[in-house]
Structure formats: C-alpha cells, structure tokens
C-alpha cells in the first residue's frame, strides 16, 4: 500500500490544468460527482473528437499534442487522481 505521506505530497503537486478541469467539471454538476464520473469527463475532454478535427483543418497541431500529453498524464496517474478527488471531497 502507498505511504500516506507520499500520497499527501503527491496530491499537492497535481498540475494546475488538472485542478482547473476538475473544478470546472464539479461546478457543472449539481450533485457531488464521483471520481469515476470526473475521470470519464476528463477522458472525453481530451480524447480525439471534433476539437481535434477543427484544429487539424486549420493546420494547428498544438491542441493534439497538449491533449495527448494530458491523456498520458491522466493514464499514468489514475490512482493519484482518485486519491486527490477523495481527499478533496472530505
């Protein structure tokens, strides 16, 4: 199991963009959203879709790179994000 001190330090070091996205998703939902719901919204936000198509049509590849980096971060730190959401809820 994880050391509690390491988890506390790690959850404080979550990137600013992730905190803003979580806050935005939580604000849109009237009920307190569960971690699985928030994570699925994060995946939907950065997964390939219309936003990728529109940026590709204009020749701008910056959004695709940012979205890929953020999806990788979410995938690699899924346990940490869940712990952060539970800690934030309390």
PDB file of N, CA and C in Angstrom:
ATOM      1  N   UNK A   1       0.840  -1.185   0.000  1.00  0.00           N
ATOM      2  CA  UNK A   1       0.000   0.000   0.000  1.00  0.00           C
ATOM      3  C   UNK A   1       0.876   1.236   0.000  1.00  0.00           C
ATOM      4  N   UNK A   2       0.298   2.340  -0.426  1.00  0.00           N
ATOM      5  CA  UNK A   2       1.037   3.592  -0.521  1.00  0.00           C
ATOM      6  C   UNK A   2       1.265   4.193   0.856  1.00  0.00           C
ATOM      7  N   UNK A   3       2.376   4.890   0.980  1.00  0.00           N
ATOM      8  CA  UNK A   3       2.664   5.614   2.196  1.00  0.00           C
ATOM      9  C   UNK A   3       1.804   6.880   2.216  1.00  0.00           C
ATOM     10  N   UNK A   4       1.138   7.151   3.322  1.00  0.00           N
ATOM     11  CA  UNK A   4       0.206   8.274   3.396  1.00  0.00           C
ATOM     12  C   UNK A   4       0.907   9.606   3.163  1.00  0.00           C
ATOM     13  N   UNK A   5       2.113   9.748   3.656  1.00  0.00           N
ATOM     14  CA  UNK A   5       2.858  10.997   3.483  1.00  0.00           C
ATOM     15  C   UNK A   5       3.194  11.237   2.013  1.00  0.00           C
ATOM     16  N   UNK A   6       3.558  10.176   1.305  1.00  0.00           N
ATOM     17  CA  UNK A   6       3.869  10.294  -0.119  1.00  0.00           C
ATOM     18  C   UNK A   6       2.622  10.691  -0.901  1.00  0.00           C
ATOM     19  N   UNK A   7       1.483  10.115  -0.553  1.00  0.00           N
ATOM     20  CA  UNK A   7       0.225  10.453  -1.229  1.00  0.00           C
ATOM     21  C   UNK A   7      -0.137  11.913  -0.986  1.00  0.00           C
ATOM     22  N   UNK A   8       0.021  12.394   0.255  1.00  0.00           N
ATOM     23  CA  UNK A   8      -0.295  13.785   0.561  1.00  0.00           C
ATOM     24  C   UNK A   8       0.577  14.748  -0.243  1.00  0.00           C
ATOM     25  N   UNK A   9       1.861  14.457  -0.336  1.00  0.00           N
ATOM     26  CA  UNK A   9       2.772  15.316  -1.100  1.00  0.00           C
ATOM     27  C   UNK A   9       2.425  15.257  -2.584  1.00  0.00           C
ATOM     28  N   UNK A  10       2.143  14.067  -3.075  1.00  0.00           N
ATOM     29  CA  UNK A  10       1.851  13.901  -4.500  1.00  0.00           C
ATOM     30  C   UNK A  10       0.555  14.593  -4.905  1.00  0.00           C
ATOM     31  N   UNK A  11      -0.456  14.528  -4.052  1.00  0.00           N
ATOM     32  CA  UNK A  11      -1.727  15.167  -4.406  1.00  0.00           C
ATOM     33  C   UNK A  11      -1.608  16.688  -4.398  1.00  0.00           C
ATOM     34  N   UNK A  12      -0.661  17.229  -3.650  1.00  0.00           N
ATOM     35  CA  UNK A  12      -0.446  18.674  -3.661  1.00  0.00           C
ATOM     36  C   UNK A  12       0.281  19.125  -4.923  1.00  0.00           C
ATOM     37  N   UNK A  13       0.928  18.183  -5.618  1.00  0.00           N
ATOM     38  CA  UNK A  13       1.721  18.524  -6.795  1.00  0.00           C
ATOM     39  C   UNK A  13       0.979  18.243  -8.103  1.00  0.00           C
ATOM     40  N   UNK A  14      -0.325  18.063  -8.043  1.00  0.00           N
ATOM     41  CA  UNK A  14      -1.119  17.838  -9.258  1.00  0.00           C
ATOM     42  C   UNK A  14      -1.095  19.128 -10.075  1.00  0.00           C
ATOM     43  N   UNK A  15      -0.938  19.013 -11.392  1.00  0.00           N
ATOM     44  CA  UNK A  15      -0.826  20.209 -12.237  1.00  0.00           C
ATOM     45  C   UNK A  15      -2.040  21.128 -12.145  1.00  0.00           C
ATOM     46  N   UNK A  16      -1.778  22.400 -12.401  1.00  0.00           N
ATOM     47  CA  UNK A  16      -2.827  23.409 -12.323  1.00  0.00           C
ATOM     48  C   UNK A  16      -3.952  23.149 -13.324  1.00  0.00           C
ATOM     49  N   UNK A  17      -3.621  22.698 -14.534  1.00  0.00           N
ATOM     50  CA  UNK A  17      -4.657  22.449 -15.544  1.00  0.00           C
ATOM     51  C   UNK A  17      -5.629  21.369 -15.081  1.00  0.00           C
ATOM     52  N   UNK A  18      -5.109  20.370 -14.356  1.00  0.00           N
ATOM     53  CA  UNK A  18      -5.979  19.301 -13.875  1.00  0.00           C
ATOM     54  C   UNK A  18      -6.904  19.808 -12.777  1.00  0.00           C
ATOM     55  N   UNK A  19      -6.377  20.619 -11.883  1.00  0.00           N
ATOM     56  CA  UNK A  19      -7.220  21.207 -10.838  1.00  0.00           C
ATOM     57  C   UNK A  19      -8.320  22.077 -11.438  1.00  0.00           C
ATOM     58  N   UNK A  20      -7.970  22.866 -12.455  1.00  0.00           N
ATOM     59  CA  UNK A  20      -8.975  23.717 -13.105  1.00  0.00           C
ATOM     60  C   UNK A  20     -10.050  22.873 -13.796  1.00  0.00           C
ATOM     61  N   UNK A  21      -9.627  21.812 -14.469  1.00  0.00           N
ATOM     62  CA  UNK A  21     -10.595  20.953 -15.155  1.00  0.00           C
ATOM     63  C   UNK A  21     -11.517  20.251 -14.166  1.00  0.00           C
ATOM     64  N   UNK A  22     -10.961  19.760 -13.076  1.00  0.00           N
ATOM     65  CA  UNK A  22     -11.769  19.089 -12.050  1.00  0.00           C
ATOM     66  C   UNK A  22     -12.760  20.077 -11.441  1.00  0.00           C
ATOM     67  N   UNK A  23     -12.292  21.287 -11.167  1.00  0.00           N
ATOM     68  CA  UNK A  23     -13.175  22.315 -10.599  1.00  0.00           C
ATOM     69  C   UNK A  23     -14.302  22.660 -11.575  1.00  0.00           C
ATOM     70  N   UNK A  24     -13.960  22.764 -12.843  1.00  0.00           N
ATOM     71  CA  UNK A  24     -14.964  23.095 -13.860  1.00  0.00           C
ATOM     72  C   UNK A  24     -16.001  21.981 -13.994  1.00  0.00           C
ATOM     73  N   UNK A  25     -15.566  20.739 -13.988  1.00  0.00           N
ATOM     74  CA  UNK A  25     -16.490  19.607 -14.088  1.00  0.00           C
ATOM     75  C   UNK A  25     -17.371  19.539 -12.851  1.00  0.00           C
ATOM     76  N   UNK A  26     -16.777  19.736 -11.681  1.00  0.00           N
ATOM     77  CA  UNK A  26     -17.549  19.682 -10.433  1.00  0.00           C
ATOM     78  C   UNK A  26     -18.571  20.807 -10.356  1.00  0.00           C
ATOM     79  N   UNK A  27     -18.219  21.967 -10.880  1.00  0.00           N
ATOM     80  CA  UNK A  27     -19.119  23.111 -10.845  1.00  0.00           C
ATOM     81  C   UNK A  27     -20.328  22.910 -11.751  1.00  0.00           C
ATOM     82  N   UNK A  28     -20.135  22.217 -12.867  1.00  0.00           N
ATOM     83  CA  UNK A  28     -21.241  21.978 -13.807  1.00  0.00           C
ATOM     84  C   UNK A  28     -22.278  21.016 -13.248  1.00  0.00           C
ATOM     85  N   UNK A  29     -21.848  20.102 -12.409  1.00  0.00           N
ATOM     86  CA  UNK A  29     -22.750  19.093 -11.857  1.00  0.00           C
ATOM     87  C   UNK A  29     -23.310  19.578 -10.525  1.00  0.00           C
ATOM     88  N   UNK A  30     -24.628  19.517 -10.372  1.00  0.00           N
ATOM     89  CA  UNK A  30     -25.238  19.955  -9.122  1.00  0.00           C
ATOM     90  C   UNK A  30     -24.931  18.988  -7.975  1.00  0.00           C
ATOM     91  N   UNK A  31     -24.978  17.694  -8.279  1.00  0.00           N
ATOM     92  CA  UNK A  31     -24.686  16.702  -7.255  1.00  0.00           C
ATOM     93  C   UNK A  31     -23.177  16.510  -7.165  1.00  0.00           C
ATOM     94  N   UNK A  32     -22.730  16.033  -6.018  1.00  0.00           N
ATOM     95  CA  UNK A  32     -21.293  15.803  -5.884  1.00  0.00           C
ATOM     96  C   UNK A  32     -20.901  14.627  -6.783  1.00  0.00           C
ATOM     97  N   UNK A  33     -20.048  14.899  -7.720  1.00  0.00           N
ATOM     98  CA  UNK A  33     -19.661  13.896  -8.716  1.00  0.00           C
ATOM     99  C   UNK A  33     -18.686  12.901  -8.115  1.00  0.00           C
ATOM    100  N   UNK A  34     -18.849  11.662  -8.501  1.00  0.00           N
ATOM    101  CA  UNK A  34     -17.955  10.606  -8.037  1.00  0.00           C
ATOM    102  C   UNK A  34     -16.681  10.624  -8.862  1.00  0.00           C
ATOM    103  N   UNK A  35     -15.591  10.069  -8.327  1.00  0.00           N
ATOM    104  CA  UNK A  35     -14.311  10.075  -9.055  1.00  0.00           C
ATOM    105  C   UNK A  35     -14.393   9.452 -10.446  1.00  0.00           C
ATOM    106  N   UNK A  36     -15.133   8.370 -10.597  1.00  0.00           N
ATOM    107  CA  UNK A  36     -15.252   7.727 -11.903  1.00  0.00           C
ATOM    108  C   UNK A  36     -15.904   8.630 -12.931  1.00  0.00           C
ATOM    109  N   UNK A  37     -16.900   9.393 -12.507  1.00  0.00           N
ATOM    110  CA  UNK A  37     -17.579  10.318 -13.402  1.00  0.00           C
ATOM    111  C   UNK A  37     -16.645  11.436 -13.841  1.00  0.00           C
ATOM    112  N   UNK A  38     -15.904  11.995 -12.906  1.00  0.00           N
ATOM    113  CA  UNK A  38     -14.979  13.084 -13.232  1.00  0.00           C
ATOM    114  C   UNK A  38     -13.882  12.599 -14.166  1.00  0.00           C
ATOM    115  N   UNK A  39     -13.360  11.401 -13.916  1.00  0.00           N
ATOM    116  CA  UNK A  39     -12.305  10.860 -14.771  1.00  0.00           C
ATOM    117  C   UNK A  39     -12.840  10.585 -16.169  1.00  0.00           C
ATOM    118  N   UNK A  40     -14.063  10.091 -16.275  1.00  0.00           N
ATOM    119  CA  UNK A  40     -14.626   9.856 -17.610  1.00  0.00           C
ATOM    120  C   UNK A  40     -14.831  11.173 -18.353  1.00  0.00           C
ATOM    121  N   UNK A  41     -15.207  12.239 -17.656  1.00  0.00           N
ATOM    122  CA  UNK A  41     -15.339  13.548 -18.289  1.00  0.00           C
ATOM    123  C   UNK A  41     -13.983  14.075 -18.753  1.00  0.00           C
ATOM    124  N   UNK A  42     -12.938  13.826 -17.957  1.00  0.00           N
ATOM    125  CA  UNK A  42     -11.593  14.236 -18.361  1.00  0.00           C
ATOM    126  C   UNK A  42     -11.166  13.506 -19.629  1.00  0.00           C
ATOM    127  N   UNK A  43     -11.440  12.200 -19.684  1.00  0.00           N
ATOM    128  CA  UNK A  43     -11.111  11.428 -20.882  1.00  0.00           C
ATOM    129  C   UNK A  43     -11.875  11.964 -22.095  1.00  0.00           C
ATOM    130  N   UNK A  44     -13.158  12.258 -21.927  1.00  0.00           N
ATOM    131  CA  UNK A  44     -13.959  12.784 -23.032  1.00  0.00           C
ATOM    132  C   UNK A  44     -13.444  14.143 -23.505  1.00  0.00           C
ATOM    133  N   UNK A  45     -12.969  14.939 -22.571  1.00  0.00           N
ATOM    134  CA  UNK A  45     -12.498  16.272 -22.900  1.00  0.00           C
ATOM    135  C   UNK A  45     -11.231  16.228 -23.759  1.00  0.00           C
ATOM    136  N   UNK A  46     -10.354  15.263 -23.497  1.00  0.00           N
ATOM    137  CA  UNK A  46      -9.070  15.219 -24.200  1.00  0.00           C
ATOM    138  C   UNK A  46      -8.979  14.113 -25.252  1.00  0.00           C
ATOM    139  N   UNK A  47      -9.992  13.301 -25.382  1.00  0.00           N
ATOM    140  CA  UNK A  47      -9.981  12.257 -26.408  1.00  0.00           C
ATOM    141  C   UNK A  47     -10.207  12.876 -27.783  1.00  0.00           C
ATOM    142  N   UNK A  48      -9.726  12.195 -28.833  1.00  0.00           N
ATOM    143  CA  UNK A  48      -9.933  12.729 -30.185  1.00  0.00           C
ATOM    144  C   UNK A  48     -11.419  12.916 -30.486  1.00  0.00           C
ATOM    145  N   UNK A  49     -11.717  14.046 -31.072  1.00  0.00           N
ATOM    146  CA  UNK A  49     -13.102  14.368 -31.406  1.00  0.00           C
ATOM    147  C   UNK A  49     -13.143  15.572 -32.319  1.00  0.00           C
ATOM    148  N   UNK A  50     -14.225  16.331 -32.208  1.00  0.00           N
ATOM    149  CA  UNK A  50     -14.403  17.490 -33.075  1.00  0.00           C
ATOM    150  C   UNK A  50     -13.304  18.536 -32.894  1.00  0.00           C
ATOM    151  N   UNK A  51     -12.877  18.728 -31.686  1.00  0.00           N
ATOM    152  CA  UNK A  51     -11.833  19.723 -31.428  1.00  0.00           C
ATOM    153  C   UNK A  51     -10.553  19.367 -32.174  1.00  0.00           C
ATOM    154  N   UNK A  52     -10.220  18.068 -32.196  1.00  0.00           N
ATOM    155  CA  UNK A  52      -9.039  17.629 -32.937  1.00  0.00           C
ATOM    156  C   UNK A  52      -9.215  17.858 -34.439  1.00  0.00           C
ATOM    157  N   UNK A  53     -10.412  17.579 -34.926  1.00  0.00           N
ATOM    158  CA  UNK A  53     -10.683  17.773 -36.352  1.00  0.00           C
ATOM    159  C   UNK A  53     -10.561  19.243 -36.764  1.00  0.00           C
ATOM    160  N   UNK A  54     -11.152  20.129 -35.977  1.00  0.00           N
ATOM    161  CA  UNK A  54     -11.110  21.544 -36.319  1.00  0.00           C
ATOM    162  C   UNK A  54      -9.691  22.101 -36.269  1.00  0.00           C
ATOM    163  N   UNK A  55      -8.912  21.688 -35.280  1.00  0.00           N
ATOM    164  CA  UNK A  55      -7.543  22.178 -35.209  1.00  0.00           C
ATOM    165  C   UNK A  55      -6.691  21.595 -36.332  1.00  0.00           C
ATOM    166  N   UNK A  56      -6.951  20.359 -36.726  1.00  0.00           N
ATOM    167  CA  UNK A  56      -6.208  19.761 -37.836  1.00  0.00           C
ATOM    168  C   UNK A  56      -6.559  20.451 -39.153  1.00  0.00           C
ATOM    169  N   UNK A  57      -7.808  20.849 -39.303  1.00  0.00           N
ATOM    170  CA  UNK A  57      -8.227  21.522 -40.528  1.00  0.00           C
ATOM    171  C   UNK A  57      -7.554  22.890 -40.672  1.00  0.00           C
ATOM    172  N   UNK A  58      -7.290  23.529 -39.553  1.00  0.00           N
ATOM    173  CA  UNK A  58      -6.648  24.843 -39.601  1.00  0.00           C
ATOM    174  C   UNK A  58      -5.129  24.734 -39.659  1.00  0.00           C
ATOM    175  N   UNK A  59      -4.597  23.530 -39.521  1.00  0.00           N
ATOM    176  CA  UNK A  59      -3.152  23.333 -39.578  1.00  0.00           C
ATOM    177  C   UNK A  59      -2.463  23.502 -38.240  1.00  0.00           C
ATOM    178  N   UNK A  60      -3.223  23.664 -37.188  1.00  0.00           N
ATOM    179  CA  UNK A  60      -2.667  23.838 -35.851  1.00  0.00           C
ATOM    180  C   UNK A  60      -2.596  22.483 -35.162  1.00  0.00           C
ATOM    181  N   UNK A  61      -1.405  22.028 -34.843  1.00  0.00           N
ATOM    182  CA  UNK A  61      -1.243  20.722 -34.193  1.00  0.00           C
ATOM    183  C   UNK A  61      -0.993  20.846 -32.700  1.00  0.00           C
ATOM    184  N   UNK A  62      -1.018  22.056 -32.186  1.00  0.00           N
ATOM    185  CA  UNK A  62      -0.714  22.269 -30.772  1.00  0.00           C
ATOM    186  C   UNK A  62      -1.724  21.572 -29.862  1.00  0.00           C
ATOM    187  N   UNK A  63      -3.021  21.671 -30.180  1.00  0.00           N
ATOM    188  CA  UNK A  63      -4.039  21.063 -29.332  1.00  0.00           C
ATOM    189  C   UNK A  63      -3.880  19.539 -29.272  1.00  0.00           C
ATOM    190  N   UNK A  64      -3.565  18.919 -30.394  1.00  0.00           N
ATOM    191  CA  UNK A  64      -3.401  17.462 -30.416  1.00  0.00           C
ATOM    192  C   UNK A  64      -2.242  17.040 -29.509  1.00  0.00           C
ATOM    193  N   UNK A  65      -1.173  17.805 -29.512  1.00  0.00           N
ATOM    194  CA  UNK A  65      -0.025  17.485 -28.656  1.00  0.00           C
ATOM    195  C   UNK A  65      -0.366  17.679 -27.180  1.00  0.00           C
ATOM    196  N   UNK A  66      -1.038  18.770 -26.879  1.00  0.00           N
ATOM    197  CA  UNK A  66      -1.430  19.034 -25.485  1.00  0.00           C
ATOM    198  C   UNK A  66      -2.388  17.962 -24.987  1.00  0.00           C
ATOM    199  N   UNK A  67      -3.380  17.615 -25.802  1.00  0.00           N
ATOM    200  CA  UNK A  67      -4.361  16.599 -25.407  1.00  0.00           C
ATOM    201  C   UNK A  67      -3.687  15.254 -25.184  1.00  0.00           C
ATOM    202  N   UNK A  68      -2.747  14.887 -26.043  1.00  0.00           N
ATOM    203  CA  UNK A  68      -2.046  13.615 -25.890  1.00  0.00           C
ATOM    204  C   UNK A  68      -1.230  13.587 -24.596  1.00  0.00           C
ATOM    205  N   UNK A  69      -0.546  14.689 -24.298  1.00  0.00           N
ATOM    206  CA  UNK A  69       0.235  14.769 -23.063  1.00  0.00           C
ATOM    207  C   UNK A  69      -0.665  14.666 -21.833  1.00  0.00           C
ATOM    208  N   UNK A  70      -1.792  15.332 -21.881  1.00  0.00           N
ATOM    209  CA  UNK A  70      -2.700  15.318 -20.724  1.00  0.00           C
ATOM    210  C   UNK A  70      -3.365  13.959 -20.546  1.00  0.00           C
ATOM    211  N   UNK A  71      -3.720  13.301 -21.640  1.00  0.00           N
ATOM    212  CA  UNK A  71      -4.267  11.944 -21.533  1.00  0.00           C
ATOM    213  C   UNK A  71      -3.233  10.986 -20.973  1.00  0.00           C
ATOM    214  N   UNK A  72      -1.989  11.128 -21.389  1.00  0.00           N
ATOM    215  CA  UNK A  72      -0.918  10.294 -20.836  1.00  0.00           C
ATOM    216  C   UNK A  72      -0.753  10.530 -19.347  1.00  0.00           C
ATOM    217  N   UNK A  73      -0.806  11.797 -18.925  1.00  0.00           N
ATOM    218  CA  UNK A  73      -0.687  12.097 -17.505  1.00  0.00           C
ATOM    219  C   UNK A  73      -1.838  11.466 -16.722  1.00  0.00           C
ATOM    220  N   UNK A  74      -3.043  11.578 -17.243  1.00  0.00           N
ATOM    221  CA  UNK A  74      -4.212  11.002 -16.567  1.00  0.00           C
ATOM    222  C   UNK A  74      -4.072   9.488 -16.477  1.00  0.00           C
ATOM    223  N   UNK A  75      -3.651   8.844 -17.562  1.00  0.00           N
ATOM    224  CA  UNK A  75      -3.481   7.386 -17.565  1.00  0.00           C
ATOM    225  C   UNK A  75      -2.424   6.932 -16.564  1.00  0.00           C
ATOM    226  N   UNK A  76      -1.305   7.630 -16.523  1.00  0.00           N
ATOM    227  CA  UNK A  76      -0.198   7.223 -15.666  1.00  0.00           C
ATOM    228  C   UNK A  76      -0.447   7.506 -14.192  1.00  0.00           C
ATOM    229  N   UNK A  77      -1.312   8.450 -13.898  1.00  0.00           N
ATOM    230  CA  UNK A  77      -1.541   8.858 -12.512  1.00  0.00           C
ATOM    231  C   UNK A  77      -2.987   8.677 -12.072  1.00  0.00           C
ATOM    232  N   UNK A  78      -3.622   7.655 -12.577  1.00  0.00           N
ATOM    233  CA  UNK A  78      -5.035   7.425 -12.281  1.00  0.00           C
ATOM    234  C   UNK A  78      -5.283   7.217 -10.789  1.00  0.00           C
ATOM    235  N   UNK A  79      -4.463   6.410 -10.137  1.00  0.00           N
ATOM    236  CA  UNK A  79      -4.635   6.178  -8.699  1.00  0.00           C
ATOM    237  C   UNK A  79      -4.459   7.466  -7.903  1.00  0.00           C
ATOM    238  N   UNK A  80      -3.481   8.255  -8.301  1.00  0.00           N
ATOM    239  CA  UNK A  80      -3.223   9.517  -7.620  1.00  0.00           C
ATOM    240  C   UNK A  80      -4.388  10.488  -7.788  1.00  0.00           C
ATOM    241  N   UNK A  81      -4.978  10.518  -8.965  1.00  0.00           N
ATOM    242  CA  UNK A  81      -6.115  11.404  -9.217  1.00  0.00           C
ATOM    243  C   UNK A  81      -7.319  10.977  -8.377  1.00  0.00           C
ATOM    244  N   UNK A  82      -7.546   9.678  -8.273  1.00  0.00           N
ATOM    245  CA  UNK A  82      -8.657   9.179  -7.446  1.00  0.00           C
ATOM    246  C   UNK A  82      -8.431   9.558  -5.992  1.00  0.00           C
ATOM    247  N   UNK A  83      -7.202   9.398  -5.502  1.00  0.00           N
ATOM    248  CA  UNK A  83      -6.894   9.786  -4.115  1.00  0.00           C
ATOM    249  C   UNK A  83      -7.099  11.286  -3.919  1.00  0.00           C
ATOM    250  N   UNK A  84      -6.694  12.070  -4.908  1.00  0.00           N
ATOM    251  CA  UNK A  84      -6.866  13.525  -4.834  1.00  0.00           C
ATOM    252  C   UNK A  84      -8.350  13.892  -4.780  1.00  0.00           C
ATOM    253  N   UNK A  85      -9.166  13.223  -5.586  1.00  0.00           N
ATOM    254  CA  UNK A  85     -10.604  13.515  -5.592  1.00  0.00           C
ATOM    255  C   UNK A  85     -11.257  13.130  -4.274  1.00  0.00           C
ATOM    256  N   UNK A  86     -10.846  12.005  -3.714  1.00  0.00           N
ATOM    257  CA  UNK A  86     -11.405  11.586  -2.420  1.00  0.00           C
ATOM    258  C   UNK A  86     -10.966  12.543  -1.305  1.00  0.00           C
ATOM    259  N   UNK A  87      -9.712  12.980  -1.366  1.00  0.00           N
ATOM    260  CA  UNK A  87      -9.198  13.910  -0.371  1.00  0.00           C
ATOM    261  C   UNK A  87      -9.911  15.269  -0.495  1.00  0.00           C
ATOM    262  N   UNK A  88     -10.166  15.674  -1.719  1.00  0.00           N
ATOM    263  CA  UNK A  88     -10.837  16.940  -1.982  1.00  0.00           C
ATOM    264  C   UNK A  88     -12.283  16.906  -1.511  1.00  0.00           C
ATOM    265  N   UNK A  89     -12.912  15.728  -1.631  1.00  0.00           N
ATOM    266  CA  UNK A  89     -14.301  15.583  -1.220  1.00  0.00           C
ATOM    267  C   UNK A  89     -14.457  15.714   0.289  1.00  0.00           C
ATOM    268  N   UNK A  90     -13.467  15.242   1.039  1.00  0.00           N
ATOM    269  CA  UNK A  90     -13.525  15.306   2.516  1.00  0.00           C
ATOM    270  C   UNK A  90     -13.176  16.638   3.043  1.00  0.00           C
TER     271      UNK A  90
END
